[in-house]
Amino acid sequence: MHDTDITLIERLDRLLPQTQCGQCGYDGCRPYAEAMARGQAGVDHCPPGGDAGARALAHLLGVPAMPFDRSRGEHKPAQVAVIVEADCIGCTKCIQACPVDAIVGGAKYMHTVLADLCTGCELCIPPCPVDCIELKPAR
């Protein structure tokens, strides 16, 4: 990879919302940026970035702007996960699912979300067996 490719990847990655949610079809924002830089992915894959994000990516790449692909998910305001601590059984499944290590706790102990690190990707919700994770608007 050339230095110009790396610079382009970094610039694309900085435009992405860093949710690491995988809705784009890649394992995170950086792999998606790499695919766009190689011409293997379009600018419309990121629901968290919304239409504005897709426009910014298109502008950087010098390609026509397009709205984000709604079939990949919904664009939502910034949010963070909150664990209803009284209901948490300490299974650690949410910790394992979190792509940014924003959930702390130990096996069989209550867990909590570090709001400053949480990207609101929602990946912690499906594995929770007791449905004790809620999403709240980010501050």
N, C-alpha and C. Protein backbone atom coordinates (compact mmCIF):
# COMPACT_ATOMS: atom_id res chain seq x y z
N MET A 1 0.84 -1.18 0.00
CA MET A 1 0.00 0.00 0.00
C MET A 1 0.89 1.25 0.00
N HIS A 2 0.52 2.22 -0.75
CA HIS A 2 1.28 3.46 -0.85
C HIS A 2 0.88 4.42 0.27
N ASP A 3 1.74 5.39 0.55
CA ASP A 3 1.43 6.40 1.57
C ASP A 3 0.16 7.16 1.24
N THR A 4 -0.07 7.42 -0.06
CA THR A 4 -1.29 8.14 -0.43
C THR A 4 -2.52 7.30 -0.14
N ASP A 5 -2.41 5.97 -0.29
CA ASP A 5 -3.53 5.09 0.03
C ASP A 5 -3.83 5.13 1.52
N ILE A 6 -2.77 5.12 2.33
CA ILE A 6 -2.94 5.15 3.78
C ILE A 6 -3.55 6.47 4.20
N THR A 7 -3.10 7.56 3.61
CA THR A 7 -3.67 8.86 3.93
C THR A 7 -5.14 8.91 3.56
N LEU A 8 -5.51 8.39 2.40
CA LEU A 8 -6.91 8.36 1.99
C LEU A 8 -7.72 7.50 2.96
N ILE A 9 -7.21 6.35 3.32
CA ILE A 9 -7.91 5.47 4.27
C ILE A 9 -8.14 6.20 5.58
N GLU A 10 -7.13 6.87 6.08
CA GLU A 10 -7.27 7.59 7.34
C GLU A 10 -8.28 8.72 7.23
N ARG A 11 -8.28 9.41 6.12
CA ARG A 11 -9.25 10.50 5.94
C ARG A 11 -10.67 9.95 5.86
N LEU A 12 -10.86 8.85 5.14
CA LEU A 12 -12.18 8.22 5.07
C LEU A 12 -12.61 7.74 6.45
N ASP A 13 -11.69 7.09 7.15
CA ASP A 13 -11.99 6.57 8.49
C ASP A 13 -12.40 7.69 9.44
N ARG A 14 -11.76 8.85 9.33
CA ARG A 14 -12.12 9.98 10.20
C ARG A 14 -13.51 10.51 9.90
N LEU A 15 -13.97 10.35 8.67
CA LEU A 15 -15.32 10.81 8.32
C LEU A 15 -16.41 9.85 8.84
N LEU A 16 -16.03 8.62 9.10
CA LEU A 16 -17.00 7.63 9.57
C LEU A 16 -17.29 7.84 11.06
N PRO A 17 -18.48 7.42 11.53
CA PRO A 17 -18.89 7.73 12.90
C PRO A 17 -18.21 6.90 14.00
N GLN A 18 -17.41 5.92 13.62
CA GLN A 18 -16.68 5.08 14.59
C GLN A 18 -17.60 4.31 15.52
N THR A 19 -18.77 3.92 15.03
CA THR A 19 -19.66 3.09 15.83
C THR A 19 -19.20 1.64 15.87
N GLN A 20 -18.44 1.22 14.85
CA GLN A 20 -17.95 -0.17 14.75
C GLN A 20 -19.11 -1.16 14.76
N CYS A 21 -20.25 -0.77 14.21
CA CYS A 21 -21.48 -1.56 14.29
C CYS A 21 -21.57 -2.68 13.26
N GLY A 22 -20.84 -2.58 12.17
CA GLY A 22 -20.87 -3.62 11.14
C GLY A 22 -22.04 -3.52 10.17
N GLN A 23 -22.88 -2.51 10.29
CA GLN A 23 -24.02 -2.39 9.37
C GLN A 23 -23.59 -2.19 7.93
N CYS A 24 -22.36 -1.74 7.75
CA CYS A 24 -21.83 -1.52 6.41
C CYS A 24 -21.44 -2.84 5.73
N GLY A 25 -21.39 -3.92 6.51
CA GLY A 25 -20.97 -5.20 5.96
C GLY A 25 -19.50 -5.51 6.23
N TYR A 26 -18.83 -4.61 6.93
CA TYR A 26 -17.43 -4.80 7.29
C TYR A 26 -17.32 -4.89 8.81
N ASP A 27 -16.17 -5.34 9.29
CA ASP A 27 -15.99 -5.55 10.73
C ASP A 27 -15.85 -4.27 11.53
N GLY A 28 -15.84 -3.16 10.89
CA GLY A 28 -15.74 -1.88 11.58
C GLY A 28 -15.50 -0.77 10.59
N CYS A 29 -15.33 0.43 11.12
CA CYS A 29 -15.17 1.60 10.27
C CYS A 29 -13.88 1.56 9.46
N ARG A 30 -12.78 1.14 10.05
CA ARG A 30 -11.50 1.11 9.32
C ARG A 30 -11.55 0.14 8.14
N PRO A 31 -12.05 -1.11 8.33
CA PRO A 31 -12.13 -1.99 7.16
C PRO A 31 -13.05 -1.44 6.05
N TYR A 32 -14.11 -0.75 6.44
CA TYR A 32 -14.98 -0.13 5.44
C TYR A 32 -14.22 0.97 4.70
N ALA A 33 -13.46 1.79 5.43
CA ALA A 33 -12.67 2.85 4.81
C ALA A 33 -11.65 2.24 3.84
N GLU A 34 -11.02 1.15 4.22
CA GLU A 34 -10.05 0.48 3.35
C GLU A 34 -10.73 -0.01 2.07
N ALA A 35 -11.92 -0.57 2.19
CA ALA A 35 -12.65 -1.07 1.02
C ALA A 35 -13.04 0.08 0.10
N MET A 36 -13.48 1.21 0.67
CA MET A 36 -13.81 2.36 -0.17
C MET A 36 -12.56 2.87 -0.89
N ALA A 37 -11.43 2.93 -0.19
CA ALA A 37 -10.20 3.42 -0.80
C ALA A 37 -9.75 2.53 -1.96
N ARG A 38 -10.04 1.23 -1.86
CA ARG A 38 -9.68 0.29 -2.93
C ARG A 38 -10.73 0.26 -4.04
N GLY A 39 -11.84 0.98 -3.86
CA GLY A 39 -12.90 0.98 -4.86
C GLY A 39 -13.79 -0.24 -4.77
N GLN A 40 -13.76 -0.95 -3.63
CA GLN A 40 -14.54 -2.17 -3.46
C GLN A 40 -15.84 -1.96 -2.70
N ALA A 41 -16.10 -0.76 -2.25
CA ALA A 41 -17.34 -0.47 -1.53
C ALA A 41 -17.80 0.94 -1.88
N GLY A 42 -19.10 1.10 -1.91
CA GLY A 42 -19.68 2.41 -2.19
C GLY A 42 -19.74 3.26 -0.94
N VAL A 43 -20.06 4.52 -1.11
CA VAL A 43 -20.12 5.47 0.00
C VAL A 43 -21.45 5.41 0.76
N ASP A 44 -22.34 4.54 0.33
CA ASP A 44 -23.70 4.52 0.86
C ASP A 44 -23.97 3.43 1.89
N HIS A 45 -22.94 2.84 2.47
CA HIS A 45 -23.12 1.67 3.33
C HIS A 45 -23.31 1.97 4.81
N CYS A 46 -23.24 3.22 5.25
CA CYS A 46 -23.17 3.54 6.69
C CYS A 46 -24.43 4.23 7.22
N PRO A 47 -25.38 3.47 7.80
CA PRO A 47 -26.55 4.11 8.39
C PRO A 47 -26.22 5.10 9.51
N PRO A 48 -25.28 4.80 10.43
CA PRO A 48 -25.01 5.80 11.47
C PRO A 48 -24.50 7.13 10.91
N GLY A 49 -23.81 7.11 9.78
CA GLY A 49 -23.34 8.36 9.17
C GLY A 49 -24.43 9.12 8.45
N GLY A 50 -25.49 8.40 8.07
CA GLY A 50 -26.62 9.03 7.40
C GLY A 50 -26.28 9.58 6.04
N ASP A 51 -27.19 10.35 5.50
CA ASP A 51 -27.00 10.95 4.18
C ASP A 51 -25.84 11.95 4.18
N ALA A 52 -25.70 12.70 5.27
CA ALA A 52 -24.61 13.68 5.35
C ALA A 52 -23.26 12.97 5.31
N GLY A 53 -23.15 11.87 6.00
CA GLY A 53 -21.91 11.10 5.98
C GLY A 53 -21.60 10.56 4.60
N ALA A 54 -22.62 10.05 3.92
CA ALA A 54 -22.43 9.53 2.57
C ALA A 54 -21.99 10.63 1.62
N ARG A 55 -22.55 11.83 1.79
CA ARG A 55 -22.15 12.97 0.96
C ARG A 55 -20.69 13.34 1.22
N ALA A 56 -20.28 13.35 2.48
CA ALA A 56 -18.90 13.71 2.82
C ALA A 56 -17.92 12.68 2.25
N LEU A 57 -18.26 11.42 2.33
CA LEU A 57 -17.41 10.37 1.77
C LEU A 57 -17.30 10.52 0.26
N ALA A 58 -18.43 10.78 -0.39
CA ALA A 58 -18.45 10.95 -1.84
C ALA A 58 -17.58 12.14 -2.25
N HIS A 59 -17.70 13.23 -1.50
CA HIS A 59 -16.90 14.42 -1.80
C HIS A 59 -15.41 14.11 -1.72
N LEU A 60 -15.01 13.42 -0.67
CA LEU A 60 -13.60 13.07 -0.50
C LEU A 60 -13.10 12.17 -1.64
N LEU A 61 -13.94 11.22 -2.05
CA LEU A 61 -13.54 10.29 -3.10
C LEU A 61 -13.73 10.84 -4.51
N GLY A 62 -14.43 11.97 -4.62
CA GLY A 62 -14.68 12.55 -5.94
C GLY A 62 -15.66 11.73 -6.76
N VAL A 63 -16.64 11.13 -6.08
CA VAL A 63 -17.66 10.34 -6.77
C VAL A 63 -19.02 10.99 -6.54
N PRO A 64 -20.03 10.63 -7.33
CA PRO A 64 -21.35 11.23 -7.13
C PRO A 64 -21.91 10.91 -5.74
N ALA A 65 -22.52 11.89 -5.14
CA ALA A 65 -23.16 11.71 -3.83
C ALA A 65 -24.42 10.89 -4.00
N MET A 66 -24.73 10.13 -2.98
CA MET A 66 -25.96 9.33 -2.96
C MET A 66 -26.41 9.18 -1.52
N PRO A 67 -27.70 8.95 -1.29
CA PRO A 67 -28.16 8.73 0.08
C PRO A 67 -27.66 7.38 0.59
N PHE A 68 -27.63 7.23 1.92
CA PHE A 68 -27.20 5.95 2.46
C PHE A 68 -28.25 4.88 2.17
N ASP A 69 -27.82 3.66 2.09
CA ASP A 69 -28.66 2.51 1.76
C ASP A 69 -29.54 2.16 2.96
N ARG A 70 -30.83 2.49 2.88
CA ARG A 70 -31.76 2.27 3.99
C ARG A 70 -31.95 0.79 4.31
N SER A 71 -31.63 -0.10 3.40
CA SER A 71 -31.79 -1.54 3.68
C SER A 71 -30.76 -2.02 4.70
N ARG A 72 -29.73 -1.22 4.96
CA ARG A 72 -28.69 -1.59 5.92
C ARG A 72 -29.04 -1.20 7.35
N GLY A 73 -30.01 -0.33 7.52
CA GLY A 73 -30.41 0.10 8.85
C GLY A 73 -30.92 1.52 8.82
N GLU A 74 -31.27 2.00 9.98
CA GLU A 74 -31.87 3.31 10.14
C GLU A 74 -30.85 4.30 10.69
N HIS A 75 -30.86 5.52 10.21
CA HIS A 75 -30.03 6.57 10.78
C HIS A 75 -30.72 7.07 12.04
N LYS A 76 -30.02 7.04 13.15
CA LYS A 76 -30.59 7.43 14.44
C LYS A 76 -29.74 8.51 15.09
N PRO A 77 -30.34 9.30 15.96
CA PRO A 77 -29.52 10.25 16.73
C PRO A 77 -28.53 9.47 17.60
N ALA A 78 -27.47 10.13 18.00
CA ALA A 78 -26.45 9.48 18.84
C ALA A 78 -27.11 8.91 20.09
N GLN A 79 -26.70 7.70 20.45
CA GLN A 79 -27.27 7.02 21.61
C GLN A 79 -26.18 6.25 22.34
N VAL A 80 -26.48 5.90 23.59
CA VAL A 80 -25.57 5.07 24.37
C VAL A 80 -26.39 3.97 25.04
N ALA A 81 -25.73 2.86 25.28
CA ALA A 81 -26.37 1.75 25.98
C ALA A 81 -26.30 2.00 27.48
N VAL A 82 -27.34 1.57 28.18
CA VAL A 82 -27.39 1.66 29.64
C VAL A 82 -27.87 0.30 30.13
N ILE A 83 -27.17 -0.26 31.10
CA ILE A 83 -27.57 -1.54 31.67
C ILE A 83 -28.44 -1.29 32.89
N VAL A 84 -29.60 -1.93 32.93
CA VAL A 84 -30.47 -1.89 34.10
C VAL A 84 -29.80 -2.82 35.11
N GLU A 85 -29.00 -2.23 35.97
CA GLU A 85 -28.10 -3.00 36.82
C GLU A 85 -28.82 -3.99 37.72
N ALA A 86 -30.01 -3.64 38.18
CA ALA A 86 -30.76 -4.55 39.07
C ALA A 86 -31.16 -5.84 38.36
N ASP A 87 -31.25 -5.78 37.03
CA ASP A 87 -31.67 -6.95 36.25
C ASP A 87 -30.50 -7.75 35.68
N CYS A 88 -29.29 -7.19 35.72
CA CYS A 88 -28.12 -7.83 35.13
C CYS A 88 -27.73 -9.07 35.93
N ILE A 89 -27.51 -10.18 35.23
CA ILE A 89 -27.12 -11.43 35.89
C ILE A 89 -25.62 -11.72 35.76
N GLY A 90 -24.89 -10.83 35.11
CA GLY A 90 -23.44 -10.99 35.00
C GLY A 90 -22.99 -12.08 34.06
N CYS A 91 -23.72 -12.29 32.97
CA CYS A 91 -23.39 -13.38 32.05
C CYS A 91 -22.18 -13.08 31.16
N THR A 92 -21.80 -11.84 31.03
CA THR A 92 -20.69 -11.31 30.21
C THR A 92 -20.94 -11.36 28.71
N LYS A 93 -22.11 -11.75 28.26
CA LYS A 93 -22.36 -11.81 26.81
C LYS A 93 -22.31 -10.43 26.16
N CYS A 94 -22.74 -9.41 26.88
CA CYS A 94 -22.68 -8.05 26.34
C CYS A 94 -21.24 -7.58 26.24
N ILE A 95 -20.42 -7.95 27.21
CA ILE A 95 -19.01 -7.56 27.19
C ILE A 95 -18.34 -8.15 25.96
N GLN A 96 -18.62 -9.40 25.68
CA GLN A 96 -18.02 -10.08 24.52
C GLN A 96 -18.48 -9.47 23.20
N ALA A 97 -19.70 -8.94 23.18
CA ALA A 97 -20.27 -8.39 21.94
C ALA A 97 -19.82 -6.95 21.67
N CYS A 98 -19.38 -6.25 22.68
CA CYS A 98 -19.05 -4.82 22.52
C CYS A 98 -17.76 -4.65 21.73
N PRO A 99 -17.83 -3.98 20.56
CA PRO A 99 -16.63 -3.83 19.73
C PRO A 99 -15.65 -2.77 20.23
N VAL A 100 -16.06 -1.97 21.21
CA VAL A 100 -15.19 -0.89 21.68
C VAL A 100 -14.86 -1.01 23.17
N ASP A 101 -15.14 -2.16 23.76
CA ASP A 101 -14.83 -2.40 25.18
C ASP A 101 -15.41 -1.34 26.10
N ALA A 102 -16.65 -0.96 25.86
CA ALA A 102 -17.30 0.06 26.68
C ALA A 102 -18.07 -0.53 27.86
N ILE A 103 -18.12 -1.85 27.98
CA ILE A 103 -18.86 -2.48 29.07
C ILE A 103 -17.87 -3.15 30.01
N VAL A 104 -18.04 -2.87 31.28
CA VAL A 104 -17.15 -3.46 32.28
C VAL A 104 -17.97 -4.24 33.30
N GLY A 105 -17.35 -5.26 33.85
CA GLY A 105 -17.99 -6.09 34.86
C GLY A 105 -17.35 -7.46 34.83
N GLY A 106 -17.69 -8.26 35.80
CA GLY A 106 -17.13 -9.60 35.87
C GLY A 106 -18.22 -10.64 35.82
N ALA A 107 -17.81 -11.87 35.57
CA ALA A 107 -18.76 -12.98 35.52
C ALA A 107 -19.53 -13.05 36.84
N LYS A 108 -20.83 -13.16 36.73
CA LYS A 108 -21.76 -13.26 37.86
C LYS A 108 -21.83 -11.99 38.70
N TYR A 109 -21.31 -10.90 38.16
CA TYR A 109 -21.42 -9.59 38.82
C TYR A 109 -22.08 -8.61 37.87
N MET A 110 -22.69 -7.61 38.45
CA MET A 110 -23.36 -6.58 37.67
C MET A 110 -22.36 -5.92 36.72
N HIS A 111 -22.83 -5.54 35.55
CA HIS A 111 -22.02 -4.85 34.56
C HIS A 111 -22.49 -3.41 34.45
N THR A 112 -21.65 -2.59 33.86
CA THR A 112 -22.04 -1.21 33.59
C THR A 112 -21.41 -0.76 32.28
N VAL A 113 -21.98 0.25 31.67
CA VAL A 113 -21.48 0.80 30.41
C VAL A 113 -20.74 2.09 30.70
N LEU A 114 -19.54 2.21 30.15
CA LEU A 114 -18.79 3.46 30.22
C LEU A 114 -19.30 4.35 29.09
N ALA A 115 -20.18 5.27 29.44
CA ALA A 115 -20.89 6.07 28.44
C ALA A 115 -19.95 6.83 27.51
N ASP A 116 -18.81 7.28 28.01
CA ASP A 116 -17.89 8.03 27.16
C ASP A 116 -17.28 7.16 26.05
N LEU A 117 -17.27 5.85 26.24
CA LEU A 117 -16.71 4.95 25.24
C LEU A 117 -17.78 4.33 24.34
N CYS A 118 -19.01 4.27 24.81
CA CYS A 118 -20.10 3.61 24.07
C CYS A 118 -20.41 4.38 22.78
N THR A 119 -20.51 3.63 21.68
CA THR A 119 -20.84 4.24 20.38
C THR A 119 -22.31 4.09 20.02
N GLY A 120 -23.07 3.37 20.83
CA GLY A 120 -24.48 3.16 20.53
C GLY A 120 -24.74 2.20 19.40
N CYS A 121 -23.82 1.28 19.16
CA CYS A 121 -23.92 0.37 18.01
C CYS A 121 -25.02 -0.68 18.15
N GLU A 122 -25.51 -0.89 19.34
CA GLU A 122 -26.59 -1.84 19.64
C GLU A 122 -26.18 -3.30 19.60
N LEU A 123 -24.89 -3.61 19.39
CA LEU A 123 -24.46 -5.00 19.29
C LEU A 123 -24.55 -5.75 20.62
N CYS A 124 -24.65 -5.04 21.73
CA CYS A 124 -24.75 -5.68 23.04
C CYS A 124 -26.18 -6.15 23.35
N ILE A 125 -27.15 -5.63 22.65
CA ILE A 125 -28.55 -5.92 22.99
C ILE A 125 -28.98 -7.35 22.63
N PRO A 126 -28.77 -7.82 21.41
CA PRO A 126 -29.25 -9.17 21.07
C PRO A 126 -28.72 -10.30 21.96
N PRO A 127 -27.45 -10.29 22.38
CA PRO A 127 -26.99 -11.42 23.19
C PRO A 127 -27.46 -11.40 24.64
N CYS A 128 -28.03 -10.32 25.12
CA CYS A 128 -28.44 -10.23 26.53
C CYS A 128 -29.65 -11.13 26.79
N PRO A 129 -29.48 -12.16 27.64
CA PRO A 129 -30.57 -13.10 27.87
C PRO A 129 -31.69 -12.57 28.77
N VAL A 130 -31.43 -11.47 29.49
CA VAL A 130 -32.45 -10.94 30.39
C VAL A 130 -32.97 -9.58 29.96
N ASP A 131 -32.60 -9.14 28.77
CA ASP A 131 -33.10 -7.89 28.18
C ASP A 131 -32.94 -6.71 29.14
N CYS A 132 -31.74 -6.56 29.68
CA CYS A 132 -31.52 -5.49 30.65
C CYS A 132 -30.73 -4.32 30.09
N ILE A 133 -30.61 -4.22 28.76
CA ILE A 133 -29.87 -3.13 28.16
C ILE A 133 -30.82 -2.23 27.40
N GLU A 134 -30.76 -0.95 27.73
CA GLU A 134 -31.60 0.05 27.08
C GLU A 134 -30.71 1.04 26.35
N LEU A 135 -31.28 1.71 25.36
CA LEU A 135 -30.56 2.76 24.66
C LEU A 135 -31.16 4.11 25.05
N LYS A 136 -30.27 5.04 25.37
CA LYS A 136 -30.69 6.38 25.76
C LYS A 136 -30.00 7.38 24.82
N PRO A 137 -30.59 8.55 24.64
CA PRO A 137 -29.92 9.57 23.82
C PRO A 137 -28.57 9.92 24.43
N ALA A 138 -27.57 10.10 23.58
CA ALA A 138 -26.25 10.53 24.05
C ALA A 138 -26.35 11.98 24.47
N ARG A 139 -25.54 12.36 25.42
CA ARG A 139 -25.57 13.76 25.89
C ARG A 139 -24.60 14.60 25.15
